[in-house]
Every structure is written in structure tokens, then in C-alpha cells.
Amino acid sequence: NIVTDIAGTTRDAIHARYNAFGKEFIIVDTAGLRRKSKVSE
């Protein structure tokens, strides 16, 4: 996933497979959740 210091860099929820401790998981990175009043576009 793209990483910057700018809030809102991630937009879609991004799924990726992850394997650890003998188990497989799907890790989902998400866009930052802010208050409704702050959602401008």
C-alpha cells in the first residue's frame, strides 16, 4: 500500500493474504475514518 504523511492516501479497502503462526489470514487496510462533518468530498 502507498504510504505518505498525507491523511487520506488510502482510499479503497485493500485486501492482502498473510501467513503467520501456521495460519492464513486476509489483512484489510482501510481508509482513515473521520467524523462526518470532516468528510469534505
Full PDB file with SEQRES, HELIX, SHEET, SSBOND, CRYST1, ORIGX, SCALE, CONECT and MASTER records, all heavy atoms in Angstrom:
SEQRES   1 A   41  ASN ILE VAL THR ASP ILE ALA GLY THR THR ARG ASP ALA          
SEQRES   2 A   41  ILE HIS ALA ARG TYR ASN ALA PHE GLY LYS GLU PHE ILE          
SEQRES   3 A   41  ILE VAL ASP THR ALA GLY LEU ARG ARG LYS SER LYS VAL          
SEQRES   4 A   41  SER GLU                                                      
HELIX    1 AA1 LYS A   36  LYS A   38  5                                   3    
SHEET    1 AA1 2 ILE A  14  ALA A  20  0                                        
SHEET    2 AA1 2 LYS A  23  ASP A  29 -1                                        
CRYST1    1.000    1.000    1.000  90.00  90.00  90.00 P 1           1          
ORIGX1      1.000000  0.000000  0.000000        0.00000                         
ORIGX2      0.000000  1.000000  0.000000        0.00000                         
ORIGX3      0.000000  0.000000  1.000000        0.00000                         
SCALE1      1.000000  0.000000  0.000000        0.00000                         
SCALE2      0.000000  1.000000  0.000000        0.00000                         
SCALE3      0.000000  0.000000  1.000000        0.00000                         
ATOM      1  N   ASN A   1       0.837  -1.201   0.000  1.00  0.00           N  
ATOM      2  CA  ASN A   1       0.000   0.000   0.000  1.00  0.00           C  
ATOM      3  C   ASN A   1       0.871   1.250   0.000  1.00  0.00           C  
ATOM      4  O   ASN A   1       1.953   1.262   0.582  1.00  0.00           O  
ATOM      5  CB  ASN A   1      -0.902   0.022   1.242  1.00  0.00           C  
ATOM      6  CG  ASN A   1      -1.668  -1.277   1.404  1.00  0.00           C  
ATOM      7  OD1 ASN A   1      -2.150  -1.828   0.423  1.00  0.00           O  
ATOM      8  ND2 ASN A   1      -1.747  -1.782   2.616  1.00  0.00           N  
ATOM      9  N   ILE A   2       0.391   2.284  -0.637  1.00  0.00           N  
ATOM     10  CA  ILE A   2       1.136   3.547  -0.702  1.00  0.00           C  
ATOM     11  C   ILE A   2       1.068   4.237   0.655  1.00  0.00           C  
ATOM     12  O   ILE A   2       0.003   4.337   1.261  1.00  0.00           O  
ATOM     13  CB  ILE A   2       0.555   4.454  -1.810  1.00  0.00           C  
ATOM     14  CG1 ILE A   2       0.738   3.782  -3.184  1.00  0.00           C  
ATOM     15  CG2 ILE A   2       1.216   5.827  -1.803  1.00  0.00           C  
ATOM     16  CD1 ILE A   2       0.052   4.502  -4.326  1.00  0.00           C  
ATOM     17  N   VAL A   3       2.228   4.691   1.122  1.00  0.00           N  
ATOM     18  CA  VAL A   3       2.306   5.347   2.433  1.00  0.00           C  
ATOM     19  C   VAL A   3       2.858   6.757   2.269  1.00  0.00           C  
ATOM     20  O   VAL A   3       3.905   6.952   1.661  1.00  0.00           O  
ATOM     21  CB  VAL A   3       3.250   4.553   3.382  1.00  0.00           C  
ATOM     22  CG1 VAL A   3       3.400   5.275   4.708  1.00  0.00           C  
ATOM     23  CG2 VAL A   3       2.722   3.143   3.600  1.00  0.00           C  
ATOM     24  N   THR A   4       2.142   7.764   2.789  1.00  0.00           N  
ATOM     25  CA  THR A   4       2.664   9.137   2.853  1.00  0.00           C  
ATOM     26  C   THR A   4       2.178   9.753   4.162  1.00  0.00           C  
ATOM     27  O   THR A   4       1.366   9.166   4.875  1.00  0.00           O  
ATOM     28  CB  THR A   4       2.154  10.035   1.688  1.00  0.00           C  
ATOM     29  OG1 THR A   4       0.760  10.327   1.910  1.00  0.00           O  
ATOM     30  CG2 THR A   4       2.335   9.413   0.336  1.00  0.00           C  
ATOM     31  N   ASP A   5       2.634  10.955   4.460  1.00  0.00           N  
ATOM     32  CA  ASP A   5       2.175  11.666   5.658  1.00  0.00           C  
ATOM     33  C   ASP A   5       0.849  12.380   5.420  1.00  0.00           C  
ATOM     34  O   ASP A   5       0.347  13.067   6.300  1.00  0.00           O  
ATOM     35  CB  ASP A   5       3.226  12.719   6.086  1.00  0.00           C  
ATOM     36  CG  ASP A   5       4.459  12.043   6.661  1.00  0.00           C  
ATOM     37  OD1 ASP A   5       4.313  10.922   7.171  1.00  0.00           O  
ATOM     38  OD2 ASP A   5       5.546  12.631   6.600  1.00  0.00           O  
ATOM     39  N   ILE A   6       0.313  12.231   4.204  1.00  0.00           N  
ATOM     40  CA  ILE A   6      -0.923  12.953   3.880  1.00  0.00           C  
ATOM     41  C   ILE A   6      -2.125  12.114   4.293  1.00  0.00           C  
ATOM     42  O   ILE A   6      -2.254  10.957   3.890  1.00  0.00           O  
ATOM     43  CB  ILE A   6      -0.983  13.251   2.364  1.00  0.00           C  
ATOM     44  CG1 ILE A   6       0.195  14.142   1.974  1.00  0.00           C  
ATOM     45  CG2 ILE A   6      -2.303  13.889   1.976  1.00  0.00           C  
ATOM     46  CD1 ILE A   6       0.484  14.134   0.514  1.00  0.00           C  
ATOM     47  N   ALA A   7      -3.006  12.703   5.110  1.00  0.00           N  
ATOM     48  CA  ALA A   7      -4.227  11.998   5.514  1.00  0.00           C  
ATOM     49  C   ALA A   7      -5.054  11.715   4.270  1.00  0.00           C  
ATOM     50  O   ALA A   7      -5.193  12.571   3.400  1.00  0.00           O  
ATOM     51  CB  ALA A   7      -5.023  12.853   6.500  1.00  0.00           C  
ATOM     52  N   GLY A   8      -5.609  10.496   4.184  1.00  0.00           N  
ATOM     53  CA  GLY A   8      -6.457  10.157   3.039  1.00  0.00           C  
ATOM     54  C   GLY A   8      -5.703   9.548   1.874  1.00  0.00           C  
ATOM     55  O   GLY A   8      -6.242   9.444   0.768  1.00  0.00           O  
ATOM     56  N   THR A   9      -4.438   9.118   2.081  1.00  0.00           N  
ATOM     57  CA  THR A   9      -3.680   8.485   0.996  1.00  0.00           C  
ATOM     58  C   THR A   9      -4.365   7.196   0.550  1.00  0.00           C  
ATOM     59  O   THR A   9      -4.525   6.939  -0.636  1.00  0.00           O  
ATOM     60  CB  THR A   9      -2.228   8.186   1.454  1.00  0.00           C  
ATOM     61  OG1 THR A   9      -1.607   9.412   1.802  1.00  0.00           O  
ATOM     62  CG2 THR A   9      -1.430   7.514   0.361  1.00  0.00           C  
ATOM     63  N   THR A  10      -4.780   6.356   1.519  1.00  0.00           N  
ATOM     64  CA  THR A  10      -5.514   5.128   1.180  1.00  0.00           C  
ATOM     65  C   THR A  10      -6.979   5.493   0.974  1.00  0.00           C  
ATOM     66  O   THR A  10      -7.578   6.174   1.796  1.00  0.00           O  
ATOM     67  CB  THR A  10      -5.382   4.086   2.314  1.00  0.00           C  
ATOM     68  OG1 THR A  10      -4.001   3.835   2.539  1.00  0.00           O  
ATOM     69  CG2 THR A  10      -6.084   2.785   1.955  1.00  0.00           C  
ATOM     70  N   ARG A  11      -7.557   4.993  -0.141  1.00  0.00           N  
ATOM     71  CA  ARG A  11      -8.960   5.310  -0.426  1.00  0.00           C  
ATOM     72  C   ARG A  11      -9.846   4.070  -0.417  1.00  0.00           C  
ATOM     73  O   ARG A  11     -10.854   4.027   0.261  1.00  0.00           O  
ATOM     74  CB  ARG A  11      -9.050   6.032  -1.780  1.00  0.00           C  
ATOM     75  CG  ARG A  11      -8.595   7.477  -1.654  1.00  0.00           C  
ATOM     76  CD  ARG A  11      -8.470   8.148  -2.994  1.00  0.00           C  
ATOM     77  NE  ARG A  11      -8.341   9.597  -2.834  1.00  0.00           N  
ATOM     78  CZ  ARG A  11      -8.080  10.424  -3.823  1.00  0.00           C  
ATOM     79  NH1 ARG A  11      -7.907   9.962  -5.043  1.00  0.00           N  
ATOM     80  NH2 ARG A  11      -7.990  11.724  -3.615  1.00  0.00           N  
ATOM     81  N   ASP A  12      -9.462   3.055  -1.211  1.00  0.00           N  
ATOM     82  CA  ASP A  12     -10.223   1.814  -1.179  1.00  0.00           C  
ATOM     83  C   ASP A  12      -9.752   0.944  -0.023  1.00  0.00           C  
ATOM     84  O   ASP A  12      -8.654   1.139   0.501  1.00  0.00           O  
ATOM     85  CB  ASP A  12     -10.038   1.042  -2.496  1.00  0.00           C  
ATOM     86  CG  ASP A  12     -11.009   1.505  -3.570  1.00  0.00           C  
ATOM     87  OD1 ASP A  12     -12.210   1.539  -3.273  1.00  0.00           O  
ATOM     88  OD2 ASP A  12     -10.568   1.825  -4.684  1.00  0.00           O  
ATOM     89  N   ALA A  13     -10.564  -0.037   0.364  1.00  0.00           N  
ATOM     90  CA  ALA A  13     -10.118  -1.035   1.336  1.00  0.00           C  
ATOM     91  C   ALA A  13      -9.266  -2.055   0.580  1.00  0.00           C  
ATOM     92  O   ALA A  13      -9.718  -2.627  -0.401  1.00  0.00           O  
ATOM     93  CB  ALA A  13     -11.334  -1.711   1.974  1.00  0.00           C  
ATOM     94  N   ILE A  14      -8.022  -2.241   1.011  1.00  0.00           N  
ATOM     95  CA  ILE A  14      -7.064  -3.071   0.282  1.00  0.00           C  
ATOM     96  C   ILE A  14      -6.864  -4.409   0.984  1.00  0.00           C  
ATOM     97  O   ILE A  14      -6.443  -4.450   2.134  1.00  0.00           O  
ATOM     98  CB  ILE A  14      -5.700  -2.347   0.157  1.00  0.00           C  
ATOM     99  CG1 ILE A  14      -5.892  -0.906  -0.352  1.00  0.00           C  
ATOM    100  CG2 ILE A  14      -4.741  -3.120  -0.724  1.00  0.00           C  
ATOM    101  CD1 ILE A  14      -6.465  -0.768  -1.729  1.00  0.00           C  
ATOM    102  N   HIS A  15      -7.187  -5.522   0.275  1.00  0.00           N  
ATOM    103  CA  HIS A  15      -7.059  -6.866   0.844  1.00  0.00           C  
ATOM    104  C   HIS A  15      -5.711  -7.484   0.476  1.00  0.00           C  
ATOM    105  O   HIS A  15      -5.249  -7.337  -0.646  1.00  0.00           O  
ATOM    106  CB  HIS A  15      -8.148  -7.791   0.287  1.00  0.00           C  
ATOM    107  CG  HIS A  15      -9.528  -7.390   0.683  1.00  0.00           C  
ATOM    108  ND1 HIS A  15     -10.081  -6.181   0.333  1.00  0.00           N  
ATOM    109  CD2 HIS A  15     -10.477  -8.048   1.404  1.00  0.00           C  
ATOM    110  CE1 HIS A  15     -11.308  -6.109   0.827  1.00  0.00           C  
ATOM    111  NE2 HIS A  15     -11.571  -7.227   1.477  1.00  0.00           N  
ATOM    112  N   ALA A  16      -5.106  -8.214   1.408  1.00  0.00           N  
ATOM    113  CA  ALA A  16      -3.873  -8.949   1.102  1.00  0.00           C  
ATOM    114  C   ALA A  16      -3.817 -10.212   1.948  1.00  0.00           C  
ATOM    115  O   ALA A  16      -4.254 -10.214   3.103  1.00  0.00           O  
ATOM    116  CB  ALA A  16      -2.649  -8.076   1.376  1.00  0.00           C  
ATOM    117  N   ARG A  17      -3.281 -11.307   1.377  1.00  0.00           N  
ATOM    118  CA  ARG A  17      -3.104 -12.552   2.124  1.00  0.00           C  
ATOM    119  C   ARG A  17      -1.919 -12.429   3.061  1.00  0.00           C  
ATOM    120  O   ARG A  17      -0.928 -11.784   2.725  1.00  0.00           O  
ATOM    121  CB  ARG A  17      -2.831 -13.710   1.164  1.00  0.00           C  
ATOM    122  CG  ARG A  17      -4.033 -14.166   0.371  1.00  0.00           C  
ATOM    123  CD  ARG A  17      -4.972 -14.996   1.248  1.00  0.00           C  
ATOM    124  NE  ARG A  17      -6.044 -15.521   0.433  1.00  0.00           N  
ATOM    125  CZ  ARG A  17      -6.043 -16.733  -0.076  1.00  0.00           C  
ATOM    126  NH1 ARG A  17      -5.039 -17.547   0.155  1.00  0.00           N  
ATOM    127  NH2 ARG A  17      -7.040 -17.139  -0.817  1.00  0.00           N  
ATOM    128  N   TYR A  18      -2.015 -13.089   4.223  1.00  0.00           N  
ATOM    129  CA  TYR A  18      -0.924 -13.043   5.190  1.00  0.00           C  
ATOM    130  C   TYR A  18      -0.849 -14.387   5.895  1.00  0.00           C  
ATOM    131  O   TYR A  18      -1.866 -14.956   6.269  1.00  0.00           O  
ATOM    132  CB  TYR A  18      -1.176 -11.928   6.214  1.00  0.00           C  
ATOM    133  CG  TYR A  18      -0.110 -11.819   7.273  1.00  0.00           C  
ATOM    134  CD1 TYR A  18       1.179 -11.398   6.946  1.00  0.00           C  
ATOM    135  CD2 TYR A  18      -0.372 -12.163   8.593  1.00  0.00           C  
ATOM    136  CE1 TYR A  18       2.165 -11.308   7.918  1.00  0.00           C  
ATOM    137  CE2 TYR A  18       0.607 -12.066   9.564  1.00  0.00           C  
ATOM    138  CZ  TYR A  18       1.871 -11.635   9.222  1.00  0.00           C  
ATOM    139  OH  TYR A  18       2.854 -11.553  10.174  1.00  0.00           O  
ATOM    140  N   ASN A  19       0.361 -14.904   6.032  1.00  0.00           N  
ATOM    141  CA  ASN A  19       0.561 -16.197   6.673  1.00  0.00           C  
ATOM    142  C   ASN A  19       1.470 -16.042   7.875  1.00  0.00           C  
ATOM    143  O   ASN A  19       2.581 -15.538   7.739  1.00  0.00           O  
ATOM    144  CB  ASN A  19       1.193 -17.158   5.666  1.00  0.00           C  
ATOM    145  CG  ASN A  19       0.717 -18.575   5.908  1.00  0.00           C  
ATOM    146  OD1 ASN A  19       0.758 -19.044   7.037  1.00  0.00           O  
ATOM    147  ND2 ASN A  19       0.261 -19.240   4.857  1.00  0.00           N  
ATOM    148  N   ALA A  20       1.009 -16.442   9.053  1.00  0.00           N  
ATOM    149  CA  ALA A  20       1.849 -16.360  10.254  1.00  0.00           C  
ATOM    150  C   ALA A  20       1.347 -17.353  11.283  1.00  0.00           C  
ATOM    151  O   ALA A  20       0.155 -17.667  11.323  1.00  0.00           O  
ATOM    152  CB  ALA A  20       1.805 -14.958  10.836  1.00  0.00           C  
ATOM    153  N   PHE A  21       2.272 -17.836  12.101  1.00  0.00           N  
ATOM    154  CA  PHE A  21       1.943 -18.773  13.175  1.00  0.00           C  
ATOM    155  C   PHE A  21       1.145 -19.971  12.646  1.00  0.00           C  
ATOM    156  O   PHE A  21       0.230 -20.468  13.288  1.00  0.00           O  
ATOM    157  CB  PHE A  21       1.157 -18.068  14.297  1.00  0.00           C  
ATOM    158  CG  PHE A  21       1.814 -16.802  14.775  1.00  0.00           C  
ATOM    159  CD1 PHE A  21       1.325 -15.554  14.396  1.00  0.00           C  
ATOM    160  CD2 PHE A  21       2.953 -16.848  15.568  1.00  0.00           C  
ATOM    161  CE1 PHE A  21       1.935 -14.390  14.823  1.00  0.00           C  
ATOM    162  CE2 PHE A  21       3.562 -15.676  15.994  1.00  0.00           C  
ATOM    163  CZ  PHE A  21       3.064 -14.450  15.621  1.00  0.00           C  
ATOM    164  N   GLY A  22       1.490 -20.378  11.415  1.00  0.00           N  
ATOM    165  CA  GLY A  22       0.849 -21.553  10.822  1.00  0.00           C  
ATOM    166  C   GLY A  22      -0.582 -21.329  10.373  1.00  0.00           C  
ATOM    167  O   GLY A  22      -1.314 -22.273  10.088  1.00  0.00           O  
ATOM    168  N   LYS A  23      -1.008 -20.062  10.301  1.00  0.00           N  
ATOM    169  CA  LYS A  23      -2.377 -19.772   9.870  1.00  0.00           C  
ATOM    170  C   LYS A  23      -2.378 -18.754   8.746  1.00  0.00           C  
ATOM    171  O   LYS A  23      -1.507 -17.896   8.687  1.00  0.00           O  
ATOM    172  CB  LYS A  23      -3.197 -19.210  11.037  1.00  0.00           C  
ATOM    173  CG  LYS A  23      -3.545 -20.252  12.081  1.00  0.00           C  
ATOM    174  CD  LYS A  23      -4.454 -19.631  13.113  1.00  0.00           C  
ATOM    175  CE  LYS A  23      -4.766 -20.649  14.205  1.00  0.00           C  
ATOM    176  NZ  LYS A  23      -5.514 -20.063  15.305  1.00  0.00           N  
ATOM    177  N   GLU A  24      -3.376 -18.857   7.895  1.00  0.00           N  
ATOM    178  CA  GLU A  24      -3.520 -17.886   6.808  1.00  0.00           C  
ATOM    179  C   GLU A  24      -4.656 -16.926   7.145  1.00  0.00           C  
ATOM    180  O   GLU A  24      -5.722 -17.342   7.592  1.00  0.00           O  
ATOM    181  CB  GLU A  24      -3.793 -18.606   5.494  1.00  0.00           C  
ATOM    182  CG  GLU A  24      -3.587 -17.713   4.303  1.00  0.00           C  
ATOM    183  CD  GLU A  24      -3.566 -18.480   2.991  1.00  0.00           C  
ATOM    184  OE1 GLU A  24      -4.267 -19.499   2.891  1.00  0.00           O  
ATOM    185  OE2 GLU A  24      -2.862 -18.038   2.065  1.00  0.00           O  
ATOM    186  N   PHE A  25      -4.410 -15.633   6.928  1.00  0.00           N  
ATOM    187  CA  PHE A  25      -5.403 -14.595   7.193  1.00  0.00           C  
ATOM    188  C   PHE A  25      -5.472 -13.661   5.997  1.00  0.00           C  
ATOM    189  O   PHE A  25      -4.557 -13.616   5.183  1.00  0.00           O  
ATOM    190  CB  PHE A  25      -4.988 -13.762   8.415  1.00  0.00           C  
ATOM    191  CG  PHE A  25      -5.456 -14.342   9.713  1.00  0.00           C  
ATOM    192  CD1 PHE A  25      -4.852 -15.455  10.257  1.00  0.00           C  
ATOM    193  CD2 PHE A  25      -6.517 -13.758  10.384  1.00  0.00           C  
ATOM    194  CE1 PHE A  25      -5.287 -15.991  11.450  1.00  0.00           C  
ATOM    195  CE2 PHE A  25      -6.959 -14.285  11.587  1.00  0.00           C  
ATOM    196  CZ  PHE A  25      -6.348 -15.402  12.124  1.00  0.00           C  
ATOM    197  N   ILE A  26      -6.564 -12.912   5.914  1.00  0.00           N  
ATOM    198  CA  ILE A  26      -6.630 -11.801   4.960  1.00  0.00           C  
ATOM    199  C   ILE A  26      -6.548 -10.523   5.783  1.00  0.00           C  
ATOM    200  O   ILE A  26      -7.336 -10.320   6.719  1.00  0.00           O  
ATOM    201  CB  ILE A  26      -7.920 -11.845   4.127  1.00  0.00           C  
ATOM    202  CG1 ILE A  26      -7.869 -13.046   3.189  1.00  0.00           C  
ATOM    203  CG2 ILE A  26      -8.102 -10.554   3.330  1.00  0.00           C  
ATOM    204  CD1 ILE A  26      -9.199 -13.422   2.599  1.00  0.00           C  
ATOM    205  N   ILE A  27      -5.564  -9.694   5.473  1.00  0.00           N  
ATOM    206  CA  ILE A  27      -5.407  -8.404   6.154  1.00  0.00           C  
ATOM    207  C   ILE A  27      -6.035  -7.336   5.261  1.00  0.00           C  
ATOM    208  O   ILE A  27      -5.757  -7.295   4.064  1.00  0.00           O  
ATOM    209  CB  ILE A  27      -3.905  -8.077   6.343  1.00  0.00           C  
ATOM    210  CG1 ILE A  27      -3.277  -9.060   7.325  1.00  0.00           C  
ATOM    211  CG2 ILE A  27      -3.709  -6.649   6.833  1.00  0.00           C  
ATOM    212  CD1 ILE A  27      -3.421  -8.700   8.772  1.00  0.00           C  
ATOM    213  N   VAL A  28      -6.874  -6.492   5.826  1.00  0.00           N  
ATOM    214  CA  VAL A  28      -7.540  -5.443   5.046  1.00  0.00           C  
ATOM    215  C   VAL A  28      -7.104  -4.077   5.577  1.00  0.00           C  
ATOM    216  O   VAL A  28      -7.390  -3.720   6.714  1.00  0.00           O  
ATOM    217  CB  VAL A  28      -9.083  -5.568   5.129  1.00  0.00           C  
ATOM    218  CG1 VAL A  28      -9.747  -4.576   4.183  1.00  0.00           C  
ATOM    219  CG2 VAL A  28      -9.535  -6.984   4.814  1.00  0.00           C  
ATOM    220  N   ASP A  29      -6.372  -3.343   4.732  1.00  0.00           N  
ATOM    221  CA  ASP A  29      -6.011  -1.960   5.073  1.00  0.00           C  
ATOM    222  C   ASP A  29      -7.170  -1.070   4.627  1.00  0.00           C  
ATOM    223  O   ASP A  29      -7.744  -1.281   3.561  1.00  0.00           O  
ATOM    224  CB  ASP A  29      -4.718  -1.574   4.336  1.00  0.00           C  
ATOM    225  CG  ASP A  29      -4.248  -0.165   4.693  1.00  0.00           C  
ATOM    226  OD1 ASP A  29      -4.650   0.353   5.750  1.00  0.00           O  
ATOM    227  OD2 ASP A  29      -3.474   0.410   3.917  1.00  0.00           O  
ATOM    228  N   THR A  30      -7.526  -0.099   5.451  1.00  0.00           N  
ATOM    229  CA  THR A  30      -8.699   0.731   5.131  1.00  0.00           C  
ATOM    230  C   THR A  30      -8.345   2.213   5.133  1.00  0.00           C  
ATOM    231  O   THR A  30      -7.333   2.629   5.686  1.00  0.00           O  
ATOM    232  CB  THR A  30      -9.825   0.511   6.172  1.00  0.00           C  
ATOM    233  OG1 THR A  30      -9.352   0.945   7.453  1.00  0.00           O  
ATOM    234  CG2 THR A  30     -10.256  -0.942   6.248  1.00  0.00           C  
ATOM    235  N   ALA A  31      -9.221   2.981   4.515  1.00  0.00           N  
ATOM    236  CA  ALA A  31      -9.076   4.443   4.553  1.00  0.00           C  
ATOM    237  C   ALA A  31      -9.364   4.929   5.968  1.00  0.00           C  
ATOM    238  O   ALA A  31     -10.134   4.323   6.702  1.00  0.00           O  
ATOM    239  CB  ALA A  31     -10.068   5.080   3.573  1.00  0.00           C  
ATOM    240  N   GLY A  32      -8.750   6.042   6.346  1.00  0.00           N  
ATOM    241  CA  GLY A  32      -8.950   6.612   7.683  1.00  0.00           C  
ATOM    242  C   GLY A  32     -10.385   7.049   7.892  1.00  0.00           C  
ATOM    243  O   GLY A  32     -10.993   7.655   7.009  1.00  0.00           O  
ATOM    244  N   LEU A  33     -10.931   6.704   9.057  1.00  0.00           N  
ATOM    245  CA  LEU A  33     -12.310   7.083   9.373  1.00  0.00           C  
ATOM    246  C   LEU A  33     -12.311   8.360  10.196  1.00  0.00           C  
ATOM    247  O   LEU A  33     -11.741   8.411  11.279  1.00  0.00           O  
ATOM    248  CB  LEU A  33     -12.985   5.964  10.167  1.00  0.00           C  
ATOM    249  CG  LEU A  33     -13.367   4.719   9.348  1.00  0.00           C  
ATOM    250  CD1 LEU A  33     -13.637   3.555  10.261  1.00  0.00           C  
ATOM    251  CD2 LEU A  33     -14.580   4.998   8.479  1.00  0.00           C  
ATOM    252  N   ARG A  34     -12.949   9.408   9.653  1.00  0.00           N  
ATOM    253  CA  ARG A  34     -13.052  10.655  10.423  1.00  0.00           C  
ATOM    254  C   ARG A  34     -14.519  11.031  10.568  1.00  0.00           C  
ATOM    255  O   ARG A  34     -15.384  10.441   9.943  1.00  0.00           O  
ATOM    256  CB  ARG A  34     -12.238  11.769   9.768  1.00  0.00           C  
ATOM    257  CG  ARG A  34     -12.648  12.121   8.360  1.00  0.00           C  
ATOM    258  CD  ARG A  34     -11.868  13.335   7.902  1.00  0.00           C  
ATOM    259  NE  ARG A  34     -10.767  12.983   7.038  1.00  0.00           N  
ATOM    260  CZ  ARG A  34      -9.715  13.768   6.859  1.00  0.00           C  
ATOM    261  NH1 ARG A  34      -9.622  14.911   7.493  1.00  0.00           N  
ATOM    262  NH2 ARG A  34      -8.751  13.417   6.036  1.00  0.00           N  
ATOM    263  N   ARG A  35     -14.788  12.026  11.404  1.00  0.00           N  
ATOM    264  CA  ARG A  35     -16.174  12.432  11.660  1.00  0.00           C  
ATOM    265  C   ARG A  35     -16.858  12.881  10.375  1.00  0.00           C  
ATOM    266  O   ARG A  35     -16.235  13.454   9.490  1.00  0.00           O  
ATOM    267  CB  ARG A  35     -16.223  13.587  12.663  1.00  0.00           C  
ATOM    268  CG  ARG A  35     -15.861  13.211  14.066  1.00  0.00           C  
ATOM    269  CD  ARG A  35     -16.436  14.212  15.057  1.00  0.00           C  
ATOM    270  NE  ARG A  35     -16.205  15.602  14.678  1.00  0.00           N  
ATOM    271  CZ  ARG A  35     -15.118  16.282  14.972  1.00  0.00           C  
ATOM    272  NH1 ARG A  35     -14.124  15.704  15.617  1.00  0.00           N  
ATOM    273  NH2 ARG A  35     -14.992  17.539  14.617  1.00  0.00           N  
ATOM    274  N   LYS A  36     -18.179  12.642  10.304  1.00  0.00           N  
ATOM    275  CA  LYS A  36     -18.956  13.011   9.106  1.00  0.00           C  
ATOM    276  C   LYS A  36     -18.730  14.465   8.706  1.00  0.00           C  
ATOM    277  O   LYS A  36     -18.611  14.788   7.536  1.00  0.00           O  
ATOM    278  CB  LYS A  36     -20.450  12.797   9.363  1.00  0.00           C  
ATOM    279  CG  LYS A  36     -20.914  11.387   9.089  1.00  0.00           C  
ATOM    280  CD  LYS A  36     -22.411  11.298   9.293  1.00  0.00           C  
ATOM    281  CE  LYS A  36     -22.855   9.846   9.332  1.00  0.00           C  
ATOM    282  NZ  LYS A  36     -24.238   9.717   9.785  1.00  0.00           N  
ATOM    283  N   SER A  37     -18.674  15.352   9.684  1.00  0.00           N  
ATOM    284  CA  SER A  37     -18.542  16.784   9.396  1.00  0.00           C  
ATOM    285  C   SER A  37     -17.209  17.102   8.729  1.00  0.00           C  
ATOM    286  O   SER A  37     -17.054  18.131   8.089  1.00  0.00           O  
ATOM    287  CB  SER A  37     -18.666  17.591  10.683  1.00  0.00           C  
ATOM    288  OG  SER A  37     -17.646  17.216  11.593  1.00  0.00           O  
ATOM    289  N   LYS A  38     -16.229  16.192   8.893  1.00  0.00           N  
ATOM    290  CA  LYS A  38     -14.893  16.430   8.319  1.00  0.00           C  
ATOM    291  C   LYS A  38     -14.745  15.836   6.924  1.00  0.00           C  
ATOM    292  O   LYS A  38     -13.743  16.023   6.264  1.00  0.00           O  
ATOM    293  CB  LYS A  38     -13.814  15.803   9.220  1.00  0.00           C  
ATOM    294  CG  LYS A  38     -13.798  16.333  10.644  1.00  0.00           C  
ATOM    295  CD  LYS A  38     -13.012  17.613  10.762  1.00  0.00           C  
ATOM    296  CE  LYS A  38     -12.847  18.012  12.208  1.00  0.00           C  
ATOM    297  NZ  LYS A  38     -12.294  19.337  12.357  1.00  0.00           N  
ATOM    298  N   VAL A  39     -15.744  15.036   6.497  1.00  0.00           N  
ATOM    299  CA  VAL A  39     -15.655  14.394   5.185  1.00  0.00           C  
ATOM    300  C   VAL A  39     -16.091  15.407   4.134  1.00  0.00           C  
ATOM    301  O   VAL A  39     -17.248  15.768   4.043  1.00  0.00           O  
ATOM    302  CB  VAL A  39     -16.529  13.119   5.140  1.00  0.00           C  
ATOM    303  CG1 VAL A  39     -16.538  12.527   3.753  1.00  0.00           C  
ATOM    304  CG2 VAL A  39     -16.016  12.112   6.146  1.00  0.00           C  
ATOM    305  N   SER A  40     -15.110  15.870   3.330  1.00  0.00           N  
ATOM    306  CA  SER A  40     -15.371  17.048   2.508  1.00  0.00           C  
ATOM    307  C   SER A  40     -15.644  16.751   1.034  1.00  0.00           C  
ATOM    308  O   SER A  40     -16.143  17.592   0.326  1.00  0.00           O  
ATOM    309  CB  SER A  40     -14.164  17.986   2.599  1.00  0.00           C  
ATOM    310  OG  SER A  40     -12.991  17.283   2.238  1.00  0.00           O  
ATOM    311  N   GLU A  41     -15.322  15.562   0.557  1.00  0.00           N  
ATOM    312  CA  GLU A  41     -15.523  15.317  -0.882  1.00  0.00           C  
ATOM    313  C   GLU A  41     -16.137  13.944  -1.083  1.00  0.00           C  
ATOM    314  O   GLU A  41     -16.066  13.076  -0.219  1.00  0.00           O  
ATOM    315  CB  GLU A  41     -14.174  15.406  -1.623  1.00  0.00           C  
ATOM    316  CG  GLU A  41     -13.088  14.556  -0.989  1.00  0.00           C  
ATOM    317  CD  GLU A  41     -11.804  14.503  -1.809  1.00  0.00           C  
ATOM    318  OE1 GLU A  41     -11.920  14.449  -3.033  1.00  0.00           O  
ATOM    319  OE2 GLU A  41     -10.730  14.487  -1.222  1.00  0.00           O  
TER     320      GLU A  41                                                      
MASTER        0    0    0    1    2    0    0    6  319    1    0    4          
END                                                                             
